[in-house]
């Protein structure tokens, strides 16, 4: 049994029979006060897709390490270089049960396309970070919906191309509850035609897979 808890935005906690994994500890979760941080629970490893602050906040990573000294942070070389400046050790390899695909971040308005690592955990969930480039997905795909580097239309096409059985919307922090509800319903209607179920999780909510 796997549980997936959405903290905020792209930050997820995935509990499987083998590990408790936190994806993308960004500043939204750490600073917004939308989540009681003490409710996160025990985390055994952290996976970070890329170097942007909404996906990795060094203070948040330090806070997680302070709670569990044997916690291991996994990321690509760019994130490792960033966190080295904060005396945070990063393992650029994959932990047991995890695979990755190195792709590029979609182009942002400044023209930059940093390195991005899409992770798949225990063959259950794929977190693509900020990229439409991954070529495969586990049965559950974390799907960015409201992004400055793409569009909801492009996100729908991305999901249809990878064809997971379920998606969990992420990357929509700047919408209010009504805005998120509107986009979620749009995604449900579009992806249902492709046989893809949309599981919507508001801040702090959990789904069992």
Foldseek 3Di string as FASTA:
>chain_A
DKKWWAAAFLWIWIDDPPFTEIFFPAPCNVPVPPDDVVVSDQHQEYEFFDDDRRRDDLVSVVVNCVVPVNYAYEYAPRNQVVNVVVVHHHDPDDDPQKDWDWDWAAQAPVRDIHITIWMDGNLAEIERDRDLPDQETRLEYAFEADDRRDHNVVSLVSCLRRPRQEYEYGRDRPDDPVVVVVSQVVSQVSCVVSNHHYDYHHRGDMDDD
